[in-house]
Structure formats: structure tokens, C-alpha cells
Amino acid sequence: MIVAELCELPDGIWSEWRGPKEDQVPRRFTQGNLALLLRPFSIRPKTIWPARRGMNDKAAKGYYRQEFEKAWAAYCAGTPSQANNVRYLRGAGFNMIAKCAC
């Protein structure tokens, strides 16, 4: 869901992903790309089950909000309630855009 939303943003950076160093052929951003970008922040995908599981429910890979809170606190100015606070994060040899929101 995160990747799909990123790829739908009008600026095209995610739908025409050129890699973390912007040196690759443009392609659509994937869940694997997201996992690689988040790894330096110790954010890794987890298996997540629906809160109320039924017999036919399946697990999915995803992220818990609390995993992002430490990175938001370190790299985002202001409070997490500022939905339009966008910062460029630099580290691990790449530039990354992070939206700091609740």
C-alpha cells in the first residue's frame, strides 16, 4: 500500500525510480526498493496479520508506525502532526524523501 501510494504521487519520482544513487534506468518503485531504503534506519518489513483473523485471512508484509517514529524524530523538524513537513534524508549513499506525518 505504501509503494502504490508513492507511485501515484504526481511528481513521478517513485513511478520513475532511478535507484538510490539515481544512476539506473528508470523503473517503477517496488516493495523491495522500499525495504532497501529503510534498512539503514533499522526499519524492516514484518509479517502482519489482520487484527481479527478469520479462517481465510492471510498475512502480509508491512511496517508498523512505531518503527518509523525514531527516524521521524531524528530527521523531521517539528511535531509528527505537521502533515506537510517533508525533508530530504541523506545517508547510506542515497537521498530519500520522507514525509513526516501522523
PDB file of N, CA and C in Angstrom:
ATOM      1  N   MET A   1       0.813  -1.184   0.000  1.00  0.00           N
ATOM      2  CA  MET A   1       0.000   0.000   0.000  1.00  0.00           C
ATOM      3  C   MET A   1       0.868   1.264   0.000  1.00  0.00           C
ATOM      4  N   ILE A   2       1.938   1.266   0.782  1.00  0.00           N
ATOM      5  CA  ILE A   2       2.835   2.431   0.803  1.00  0.00           C
ATOM      6  C   ILE A   2       3.429   2.649  -0.584  1.00  0.00           C
ATOM      7  N   VAL A   3       3.924   1.590  -1.193  1.00  0.00           N
ATOM      8  CA  VAL A   3       4.568   1.692  -2.507  1.00  0.00           C
ATOM      9  C   VAL A   3       3.565   2.163  -3.561  1.00  0.00           C
ATOM     10  N   ALA A   4       2.364   1.623  -3.539  1.00  0.00           N
ATOM     11  CA  ALA A   4       1.342   2.032  -4.506  1.00  0.00           C
ATOM     12  C   ALA A   4       1.026   3.520  -4.367  1.00  0.00           C
ATOM     13  N   GLU A   5       0.915   3.994  -3.127  1.00  0.00           N
ATOM     14  CA  GLU A   5       0.640   5.416  -2.894  1.00  0.00           C
ATOM     15  C   GLU A   5       1.807   6.283  -3.371  1.00  0.00           C
ATOM     16  N   LEU A   6       3.025   5.868  -3.095  1.00  0.00           N
ATOM     17  CA  LEU A   6       4.189   6.630  -3.566  1.00  0.00           C
ATOM     18  C   LEU A   6       4.213   6.729  -5.084  1.00  0.00           C
ATOM     19  N   CYS A   7       3.916   5.630  -5.748  1.00  0.00           N
ATOM     20  CA  CYS A   7       3.954   5.608  -7.214  1.00  0.00           C
ATOM     21  C   CYS A   7       2.849   6.453  -7.838  1.00  0.00           C
ATOM     22  N   GLU A   8       1.800   6.748  -7.081  1.00  0.00           N
ATOM     23  CA  GLU A   8       0.704   7.571  -7.590  1.00  0.00           C
ATOM     24  C   GLU A   8       0.929   9.063  -7.389  1.00  0.00           C
ATOM     25  N   LEU A   9       1.969   9.440  -6.646  1.00  0.00           N
ATOM     26  CA  LEU A   9       2.238  10.857  -6.429  1.00  0.00           C
ATOM     27  C   LEU A   9       2.552  11.545  -7.756  1.00  0.00           C
ATOM     28  N   PRO A  10       2.087  12.778  -7.931  1.00  0.00           N
ATOM     29  CA  PRO A  10       2.229  13.454  -9.228  1.00  0.00           C
ATOM     30  C   PRO A  10       3.651  13.822  -9.645  1.00  0.00           C
ATOM     31  N   ASP A  11       4.611  13.870  -8.720  1.00  0.00           N
ATOM     32  CA  ASP A  11       5.964  14.300  -9.111  1.00  0.00           C
ATOM     33  C   ASP A  11       6.735  13.256  -9.904  1.00  0.00           C
ATOM     34  N   GLY A  12       6.299  11.999  -9.885  1.00  0.00           N
ATOM     35  CA  GLY A  12       6.907  10.967 -10.716  1.00  0.00           C
ATOM     36  C   GLY A  12       8.199  10.362 -10.207  1.00  0.00           C
ATOM     37  N   ILE A  13       8.707  10.831  -9.072  1.00  0.00           N
ATOM     38  CA  ILE A  13       9.992  10.321  -8.582  1.00  0.00           C
ATOM     39  C   ILE A  13       9.927   8.819  -8.286  1.00  0.00           C
ATOM     40  N   TRP A  14       8.780   8.341  -7.801  1.00  0.00           N
ATOM     41  CA  TRP A  14       8.665   6.931  -7.433  1.00  0.00           C
ATOM     42  C   TRP A  14       8.215   6.062  -8.598  1.00  0.00           C
ATOM     43  N   SER A  15       7.422   6.614  -9.496  1.00  0.00           N
ATOM     44  CA  SER A  15       6.976   5.824 -10.647  1.00  0.00           C
ATOM     45  C   SER A  15       8.077   5.716 -11.700  1.00  0.00           C
ATOM     46  N   GLU A  16       9.095   6.562 -11.585  1.00  0.00           N
ATOM     47  CA  GLU A  16      10.251   6.529 -12.487  1.00  0.00           C
ATOM     48  C   GLU A  16      11.530   6.421 -11.655  1.00  0.00           C
ATOM     49  N   TRP A  17      11.545   5.484 -10.737  1.00  0.00           N
ATOM     50  CA  TRP A  17      12.648   5.285  -9.803  1.00  0.00           C
ATOM     51  C   TRP A  17      13.940   4.975 -10.536  1.00  0.00           C
ATOM     52  N   ARG A  18      15.010   5.691 -10.215  1.00  0.00           N
ATOM     53  CA  ARG A  18      16.303   5.507 -10.861  1.00  0.00           C
ATOM     54  C   ARG A  18      17.344   4.937  -9.906  1.00  0.00           C
ATOM     55  N   GLY A  19      16.882   4.353  -8.798  1.00  0.00           N
ATOM     56  CA  GLY A  19      17.805   3.769  -7.843  1.00  0.00           C
ATOM     57  C   GLY A  19      18.215   4.761  -6.780  1.00  0.00           C
ATOM     58  N   PRO A  20      18.824   4.282  -5.705  1.00  0.00           N
ATOM     59  CA  PRO A  20      19.193   5.157  -4.589  1.00  0.00           C
ATOM     60  C   PRO A  20      20.241   6.201  -4.942  1.00  0.00           C
ATOM     61  N   LYS A  21      21.043   5.934  -5.956  1.00  0.00           N
ATOM     62  CA  LYS A  21      22.062   6.909  -6.374  1.00  0.00           C
ATOM     63  C   LYS A  21      21.661   7.605  -7.671  1.00  0.00           C
ATOM     64  N   GLU A  22      20.432   7.363  -8.115  1.00  0.00           N
ATOM     65  CA  GLU A  22      19.884   7.949  -9.341  1.00  0.00           C
ATOM     66  C   GLU A  22      20.759   7.668 -10.559  1.00  0.00           C
ATOM     67  N   ASP A  23      21.301   6.460 -10.633  1.00  0.00           N
ATOM     68  CA  ASP A  23      22.193   6.107 -11.736  1.00  0.00           C
ATOM     69  C   ASP A  23      21.698   4.896 -12.528  1.00  0.00           C
ATOM     70  N   GLN A  24      20.434   4.518 -12.353  1.00  0.00           N
ATOM     71  CA  GLN A  24      19.900   3.345 -13.025  1.00  0.00           C
ATOM     72  C   GLN A  24      18.822   3.743 -14.032  1.00  0.00           C
ATOM     73  N   VAL A  25      18.463   2.790 -14.848  1.00  0.00           N
ATOM     74  CA  VAL A  25      17.393   3.003 -15.817  1.00  0.00           C
ATOM     75  C   VAL A  25      16.084   3.200 -15.048  1.00  0.00           C
ATOM     76  N   PRO A  26      15.271   4.218 -15.406  1.00  0.00           N
ATOM     77  CA  PRO A  26      14.011   4.447 -14.684  1.00  0.00           C
ATOM     78  C   PRO A  26      13.087   3.232 -14.731  1.00  0.00           C
ATOM     79  N   ARG A  27      12.486   2.946 -13.595  1.00  0.00           N
ATOM     80  CA  ARG A  27      11.520   1.850 -13.483  1.00  0.00           C
ATOM     81  C   ARG A  27      10.596   2.162 -12.318  1.00  0.00           C
ATOM     82  N   ARG A  28       9.551   1.398 -12.192  1.00  0.00           N
ATOM     83  CA  ARG A  28       8.587   1.602 -11.107  1.00  0.00           C
ATOM     84  C   ARG A  28       9.189   1.145  -9.774  1.00  0.00           C
ATOM     85  N   PHE A  29       8.999   1.936  -8.727  1.00  0.00           N
ATOM     86  CA  PHE A  29       9.461   1.644  -7.372  1.00  0.00           C
ATOM     87  C   PHE A  29       8.746   0.396  -6.852  1.00  0.00           C
ATOM     88  N   THR A  30       9.467  -0.481  -6.141  1.00  0.00           N
ATOM     89  CA  THR A  30       8.893  -1.737  -5.657  1.00  0.00           C
ATOM     90  C   THR A  30       8.989  -1.839  -4.137  1.00  0.00           C
ATOM     91  N   GLN A  31       8.327  -2.842  -3.583  1.00  0.00           N
ATOM     92  CA  GLN A  31       8.412  -3.082  -2.143  1.00  0.00           C
ATOM     93  C   GLN A  31       9.838  -3.432  -1.734  1.00  0.00           C
ATOM     94  N   GLY A  32      10.540  -4.135  -2.584  1.00  0.00           N
ATOM     95  CA  GLY A  32      11.945  -4.448  -2.316  1.00  0.00           C
ATOM     96  C   GLY A  32      12.804  -3.196  -2.252  1.00  0.00           C
ATOM     97  N   ASN A  33      12.541  -2.234  -3.151  1.00  0.00           N
ATOM     98  CA  ASN A  33      13.267  -0.960  -3.121  1.00  0.00           C
ATOM     99  C   ASN A  33      13.015  -0.223  -1.811  1.00  0.00           C
ATOM    100  N   LEU A  34      11.753  -0.212  -1.371  1.00  0.00           N
ATOM    101  CA  LEU A  34      11.412   0.445  -0.118  1.00  0.00           C
ATOM    102  C   LEU A  34      12.155  -0.201   1.047  1.00  0.00           C
ATOM    103  N   ALA A  35      12.174  -1.515   1.097  1.00  0.00           N
ATOM    104  CA  ALA A  35      12.868  -2.228   2.172  1.00  0.00           C
ATOM    105  C   ALA A  35      14.357  -1.868   2.198  1.00  0.00           C
ATOM    106  N   LEU A  36      14.977  -1.772   1.026  1.00  0.00           N
ATOM    107  CA  LEU A  36      16.400  -1.410   0.970  1.00  0.00           C
ATOM    108  C   LEU A  36      16.649   0.016   1.449  1.00  0.00           C
ATOM    109  N   LEU A  37      15.736   0.946   1.116  1.00  0.00           N
ATOM    110  CA  LEU A  37      15.902   2.327   1.549  1.00  0.00           C
ATOM    111  C   LEU A  37      15.700   2.492   3.050  1.00  0.00           C
ATOM    112  N   LEU A  38      14.826   1.681   3.622  1.00  0.00           N
ATOM    113  CA  LEU A  38      14.538   1.805   5.050  1.00  0.00           C
ATOM    114  C   LEU A  38      15.520   1.057   5.939  1.00  0.00           C
ATOM    115  N   ARG A  39      16.268   0.144   5.380  1.00  0.00           N
ATOM    116  CA  ARG A  39      17.199  -0.676   6.159  1.00  0.00           C
ATOM    117  C   ARG A  39      18.202   0.152   6.974  1.00  0.00           C
ATOM    118  N   PRO A  40      18.813   1.223   6.439  1.00  0.00           N
ATOM    119  CA  PRO A  40      19.770   1.994   7.253  1.00  0.00           C
ATOM    120  C   PRO A  40      19.139   2.642   8.488  1.00  0.00           C
ATOM    121  N   PHE A  41      17.816   2.751   8.504  1.00  0.00           N
ATOM    122  CA  PHE A  41      17.106   3.327   9.644  1.00  0.00           C
ATOM    123  C   PHE A  41      16.596   2.246  10.596  1.00  0.00           C
ATOM    124  N   SER A  42      17.051   1.006  10.380  1.00  0.00           N
ATOM    125  CA  SER A  42      16.640  -0.162  11.175  1.00  0.00           C
ATOM    126  C   SER A  42      15.136  -0.397  11.106  1.00  0.00           C
ATOM    127  N   ILE A  43      14.562  -0.082   9.966  1.00  0.00           N
ATOM    128  CA  ILE A  43      13.143  -0.332   9.722  1.00  0.00           C
ATOM    129  C   ILE A  43      13.066  -1.476   8.721  1.00  0.00           C
ATOM    130  N   ARG A  44      12.471  -2.575   9.149  1.00  0.00           N
ATOM    131  CA  ARG A  44      12.388  -3.767   8.302  1.00  0.00           C
ATOM    132  C   ARG A  44      10.947  -4.248   8.213  1.00  0.00           C
ATOM    133  N   PRO A  45      10.559  -4.814   7.067  1.00  0.00           N
ATOM    134  CA  PRO A  45       9.183  -5.309   6.946  1.00  0.00           C
ATOM    135  C   PRO A  45       8.942  -6.479   7.891  1.00  0.00           C
ATOM    136  N   LYS A  46       7.717  -6.544   8.377  1.00  0.00           N
ATOM    137  CA  LYS A  46       7.308  -7.601   9.294  1.00  0.00           C
ATOM    138  C   LYS A  46       6.091  -8.326   8.706  1.00  0.00           C
ATOM    139  N   THR A  47       5.854  -9.526   9.174  1.00  0.00           N
ATOM    140  CA  THR A  47       4.637 -10.228   8.815  1.00  0.00           C
ATOM    141  C   THR A  47       3.520  -9.683   9.693  1.00  0.00           C
ATOM    142  N   ILE A  48       2.470  -9.200   9.061  1.00  0.00           N
ATOM    143  CA  ILE A  48       1.365  -8.581   9.783  1.00  0.00           C
ATOM    144  C   ILE A  48       0.077  -9.342   9.483  1.00  0.00           C
ATOM    145  N   TRP A  49      -0.596  -9.733  10.546  1.00  0.00           N
ATOM    146  CA  TRP A  49      -1.871 -10.426  10.441  1.00  0.00           C
ATOM    147  C   TRP A  49      -3.002  -9.437  10.725  1.00  0.00           C
ATOM    148  N   PRO A  50      -4.164  -9.619  10.109  1.00  0.00           N
ATOM    149  CA  PRO A  50      -5.321  -8.765  10.437  1.00  0.00           C
ATOM    150  C   PRO A  50      -5.633  -8.851  11.935  1.00  0.00           C
ATOM    151  N   ALA A  51      -6.123  -7.759  12.512  1.00  0.00           N
ATOM    152  CA  ALA A  51      -6.427  -7.721  13.940  1.00  0.00           C
ATOM    153  C   ALA A  51      -7.446  -8.789  14.329  1.00  0.00           C
ATOM    154  N   ARG A  52      -8.434  -8.959  13.507  1.00  0.00           N
ATOM    155  CA  ARG A  52      -9.437 -10.002  13.749  1.00  0.00           C
ATOM    156  C   ARG A  52      -9.325 -11.017  12.631  1.00  0.00           C
ATOM    157  N   ARG A  53      -8.581 -12.067  12.901  1.00  0.00           N
ATOM    158  CA  ARG A  53      -8.305 -13.066  11.868  1.00  0.00           C
ATOM    159  C   ARG A  53      -9.468 -14.025  11.703  1.00  0.00           C
ATOM    160  N   GLY A  54      -9.772 -14.276  10.441  1.00  0.00           N
ATOM    161  CA  GLY A  54     -10.735 -15.310  10.107  1.00  0.00           C
ATOM    162  C   GLY A  54      -9.980 -16.488   9.514  1.00  0.00           C
ATOM    163  N   MET A  55     -10.684 -17.553   9.241  1.00  0.00           N
ATOM    164  CA  MET A  55     -10.030 -18.755   8.710  1.00  0.00           C
ATOM    165  C   MET A  55      -9.388 -18.516   7.346  1.00  0.00           C
ATOM    166  N   ASN A  56      -9.927 -17.592   6.559  1.00  0.00           N
ATOM    167  CA  ASN A  56      -9.414 -17.358   5.208  1.00  0.00           C
ATOM    168  C   ASN A  56      -8.459 -16.165   5.125  1.00  0.00           C
ATOM    169  N   ASP A  57      -8.212 -15.495   6.241  1.00  0.00           N
ATOM    170  CA  ASP A  57      -7.311 -14.340   6.230  1.00  0.00           C
ATOM    171  C   ASP A  57      -5.868 -14.776   6.043  1.00  0.00           C
ATOM    172  N   LYS A  58      -5.127 -13.919   5.372  1.00  0.00           N
ATOM    173  CA  LYS A  58      -3.710 -14.190   5.119  1.00  0.00           C
ATOM    174  C   LYS A  58      -2.862 -13.074   5.719  1.00  0.00           C
ATOM    175  N   ALA A  59      -1.634 -13.401   6.008  1.00  0.00           N
ATOM    176  CA  ALA A  59      -0.681 -12.411   6.489  1.00  0.00           C
ATOM    177  C   ALA A  59      -0.136 -11.632   5.302  1.00  0.00           C
ATOM    178  N   ALA A  60       0.372 -10.452   5.594  1.00  0.00           N
ATOM    179  CA  ALA A  60       1.003  -9.622   4.567  1.00  0.00           C
ATOM    180  C   ALA A  60       2.271  -9.024   5.161  1.00  0.00           C
ATOM    181  N   LYS A  61       3.189  -8.621   4.320  1.00  0.00           N
ATOM    182  CA  LYS A  61       4.386  -7.920   4.777  1.00  0.00           C
ATOM    183  C   LYS A  61       4.047  -6.437   4.878  1.00  0.00           C
ATOM    184  N   GLY A  62       4.539  -5.807   5.916  1.00  0.00           N
ATOM    185  CA  GLY A  62       4.262  -4.390   6.101  1.00  0.00           C
ATOM    186  C   GLY A  62       5.123  -3.810   7.200  1.00  0.00           C
ATOM    187  N   TYR A  63       4.771  -2.600   7.604  1.00  0.00           N
ATOM    188  CA  TYR A  63       5.533  -1.858   8.598  1.00  0.00           C
ATOM    189  C   TYR A  63       4.584  -1.351   9.669  1.00  0.00           C
ATOM    190  N   TYR A  64       5.077  -1.305  10.898  1.00  0.00           N
ATOM    191  CA  TYR A  64       4.334  -0.709  11.987  1.00  0.00           C
ATOM    192  C   TYR A  64       4.786   0.735  12.155  1.00  0.00           C
ATOM    193  N   ARG A  65       3.840   1.610  12.434  1.00  0.00           N
ATOM    194  CA  ARG A  65       4.132   3.025  12.583  1.00  0.00           C
ATOM    195  C   ARG A  65       5.257   3.286  13.582  1.00  0.00           C
ATOM    196  N   GLN A  66       5.260   2.588  14.710  1.00  0.00           N
ATOM    197  CA  GLN A  66       6.266   2.855  15.743  1.00  0.00           C
ATOM    198  C   GLN A  66       7.685   2.624  15.243  1.00  0.00           C
ATOM    199  N   GLU A  67       7.851   1.826  14.195  1.00  0.00           N
ATOM    200  CA  GLU A  67       9.181   1.623  13.628  1.00  0.00           C
ATOM    201  C   GLU A  67       9.717   2.909  12.996  1.00  0.00           C
ATOM    202  N   PHE A  68       8.816   3.762  12.525  1.00  0.00           N
ATOM    203  CA  PHE A  68       9.213   4.995  11.859  1.00  0.00           C
ATOM    204  C   PHE A  68       9.420   6.146  12.838  1.00  0.00           C
ATOM    205  N   GLU A  69       8.860   6.053  14.018  1.00  0.00           N
ATOM    206  CA  GLU A  69       8.868   7.189  14.930  1.00  0.00           C
ATOM    207  C   GLU A  69      10.264   7.658  15.316  1.00  0.00           C
ATOM    208  N   LYS A  70      11.199   6.759  15.505  1.00  0.00           N
ATOM    209  CA  LYS A  70      12.572   7.158  15.850  1.00  0.00           C
ATOM    210  C   LYS A  70      13.220   7.933  14.694  1.00  0.00           C
ATOM    211  N   ALA A  71      13.029   7.443  13.471  1.00  0.00           N
ATOM    212  CA  ALA A  71      13.579   8.147  12.307  1.00  0.00           C
ATOM    213  C   ALA A  71      12.904   9.500  12.131  1.00  0.00           C
ATOM    214  N   TRP A  72      11.591   9.561  12.311  1.00  0.00           N
ATOM    215  CA  TRP A  72      10.887  10.845  12.204  1.00  0.00           C
ATOM    216  C   TRP A  72      11.435  11.833  13.216  1.00  0.00           C
ATOM    217  N   ALA A  73      11.634  11.385  14.450  1.00  0.00           N
ATOM    218  CA  ALA A  73      12.138  12.277  15.497  1.00  0.00           C
ATOM    219  C   ALA A  73      13.541  12.780  15.161  1.00  0.00           C
ATOM    220  N   ALA A  74      14.364  11.936  14.557  1.00  0.00           N
ATOM    221  CA  ALA A  74      15.742  12.307  14.251  1.00  0.00           C
ATOM    222  C   ALA A  74      15.861  13.210  13.019  1.00  0.00           C
ATOM    223  N   TYR A  75      14.984  13.036  12.030  1.00  0.00           N
ATOM    224  CA  TYR A  75      15.160  13.730  10.761  1.00  0.00           C
ATOM    225  C   TYR A  75      14.091  14.755  10.419  1.00  0.00           C
ATOM    226  N   CYS A  76      13.006  14.791  11.151  1.00  0.00           N
ATOM    227  CA  CYS A  76      11.906  15.685  10.822  1.00  0.00           C
ATOM    228  C   CYS A  76      11.764  16.768  11.880  1.00  0.00           C
ATOM    229  N   ALA A  77      11.770  18.012  11.424  1.00  0.00           N
ATOM    230  CA  ALA A  77      11.604  19.122  12.347  1.00  0.00           C
ATOM    231  C   ALA A  77      10.143  19.232  12.761  1.00  0.00           C
ATOM    232  N   GLY A  78       9.890  19.733  13.947  1.00  0.00           N
ATOM    233  CA  GLY A  78       8.521  19.935  14.403  1.00  0.00           C
ATOM    234  C   GLY A  78       7.904  18.664  14.943  1.00  0.00           C
ATOM    235  N   THR A  79       6.607  18.678  15.039  1.00  0.00           N
ATOM    236  CA  THR A  79       5.889  17.546  15.605  1.00  0.00           C
ATOM    237  C   THR A  79       5.354  16.654  14.500  1.00  0.00           C
ATOM    238  N   PRO A  80       5.086  15.387  14.810  1.00  0.00           N
ATOM    239  CA  PRO A  80       4.548  14.473  13.810  1.00  0.00           C
ATOM    240  C   PRO A  80       3.192  14.899  13.271  1.00  0.00           C
ATOM    241  N   SER A  81       2.498  15.814  13.936  1.00  0.00           N
ATOM    242  CA  SER A  81       1.191  16.236  13.455  1.00  0.00           C
ATOM    243  C   SER A  81       1.283  17.187  12.268  1.00  0.00           C
ATOM    244  N   GLN A  82       2.485  17.640  11.919  1.00  0.00           N
ATOM    245  CA  GLN A  82       2.646  18.524  10.776  1.00  0.00           C
ATOM    246  C   GLN A  82       2.707  17.679   9.510  1.00  0.00           C
ATOM    247  N   ALA A  83       1.539  17.448   8.902  1.00  0.00           N
ATOM    248  CA  ALA A  83       1.426  16.527   7.777  1.00  0.00           C
ATOM    249  C   ALA A  83       2.206  16.977   6.543  1.00  0.00           C
ATOM    250  N   ASN A  84       2.479  18.248   6.382  1.00  0.00           N
ATOM    251  CA  ASN A  84       3.164  18.726   5.179  1.00  0.00           C
ATOM    252  C   ASN A  84       4.664  18.905   5.377  1.00  0.00           C
ATOM    253  N   ASN A  85       5.202  18.415   6.462  1.00  0.00           N
ATOM    254  CA  ASN A  85       6.619  18.566   6.740  1.00  0.00           C
ATOM    255  C   ASN A  85       7.404  17.511   5.955  1.00  0.00           C
ATOM    256  N   VAL A  86       8.034  17.921   4.880  1.00  0.00           N
ATOM    257  CA  VAL A  86       8.790  16.996   4.043  1.00  0.00           C
ATOM    258  C   VAL A  86      10.259  17.372   4.131  1.00  0.00           C
ATOM    259  N   ARG A  87      11.105  16.388   4.348  1.00  0.00           N
ATOM    260  CA  ARG A  87      12.537  16.598   4.455  1.00  0.00           C
ATOM    261  C   ARG A  87      13.272  15.634   3.554  1.00  0.00           C
ATOM    262  N   TYR A  88      14.435  16.015   3.101  1.00  0.00           N
ATOM    263  CA  TYR A  88      15.303  15.105   2.366  1.00  0.00           C
ATOM    264  C   TYR A  88      16.273  14.491   3.361  1.00  0.00           C
ATOM    265  N   LEU A  89      16.322  13.184   3.391  1.00  0.00           N
ATOM    266  CA  LEU A  89      17.233  12.478   4.278  1.00  0.00           C
ATOM    267  C   LEU A  89      18.443  12.045   3.463  1.00  0.00           C
ATOM    268  N   ARG A  90      19.593  12.270   3.985  1.00  0.00           N
ATOM    269  CA  ARG A  90      20.808  11.878   3.288  1.00  0.00           C
ATOM    270  C   ARG A  90      21.570  10.898   4.160  1.00  0.00           C
ATOM    271  N   GLY A  91      21.977   9.802   3.558  1.00  0.00           N
ATOM    272  CA  GLY A  91      22.727   8.821   4.321  1.00  0.00           C
ATOM    273  C   GLY A  91      22.826   7.526   3.555  1.00  0.00           C
ATOM    274  N   ALA A  92      23.758   6.721   3.906  1.00  0.00           N
ATOM    275  CA  ALA A  92      23.978   5.417   3.282  1.00  0.00           C
ATOM    276  C   ALA A  92      24.111   5.542   1.767  1.00  0.00           C
ATOM    277  N   GLY A  93      24.631   6.675   1.297  1.00  0.00           N
ATOM    278  CA  GLY A  93      24.892   6.836  -0.131  1.00  0.00           C
ATOM    279  C   GLY A  93      23.667   7.141  -0.972  1.00  0.00           C
ATOM    280  N   PHE A  94      22.559   7.589  -0.360  1.00  0.00           N
ATOM    281  CA  PHE A  94      21.390   7.897  -1.162  1.00  0.00           C
ATOM    282  C   PHE A  94      20.643   9.083  -0.573  1.00  0.00           C
ATOM    283  N   ASN A  95      19.804   9.681  -1.405  1.00  0.00           N
ATOM    284  CA  ASN A  95      18.906  10.741  -0.972  1.00  0.00           C
ATOM    285  C   ASN A  95      17.520  10.128  -0.881  1.00  0.00           C
ATOM    286  N   MET A  96      16.798  10.453   0.159  1.00  0.00           N
ATOM    287  CA  MET A  96      15.471   9.886   0.335  1.00  0.00           C
ATOM    288  C   MET A  96      14.529  10.959   0.805  1.00  0.00           C
ATOM    289  N   ILE A  97      13.332  10.963   0.276  1.00  0.00           N
ATOM    290  CA  ILE A  97      12.317  11.892   0.734  1.00  0.00           C
ATOM    291  C   ILE A  97      11.473  11.189   1.782  1.00  0.00           C
ATOM    292  N   ALA A  98      11.269  11.838   2.899  1.00  0.00           N
ATOM    293  CA  ALA A  98      10.434  11.265   3.947  1.00  0.00           C
ATOM    294  C   ALA A  98       9.348  12.256   4.294  1.00  0.00           C
ATOM    295  N   LYS A  99       8.138  11.794   4.323  1.00  0.00           N
ATOM    296  CA  LYS A  99       7.035  12.636   4.746  1.00  0.00           C
ATOM    297  C   LYS A  99       6.797  12.355   6.217  1.00  0.00           C
ATOM    298  N   CYS A 100       6.896  13.357   7.022  1.00  0.00           N
ATOM    299  CA  CYS A 100       6.746  13.217   8.462  1.00  0.00           C
ATOM    300  C   CYS A 100       5.312  13.555   8.823  1.00  0.00           C
ATOM    301  N   ALA A 101       4.514  12.550   9.062  1.00  0.00           N
ATOM    302  CA  ALA A 101       3.108  12.771   9.371  1.00  0.00           C
ATOM    303  C   ALA A 101       2.599  11.726  10.334  1.00  0.00           C
ATOM    304  N   CYS A 102       1.467  12.026  10.925  1.00  0.00           N
ATOM    305  CA  CYS A 102       0.833  11.040  11.814  1.00  0.00           C
ATOM    306  C   CYS A 102       0.201   9.936  11.006  1.00  0.00           C
TER     307      CYS A 102
END
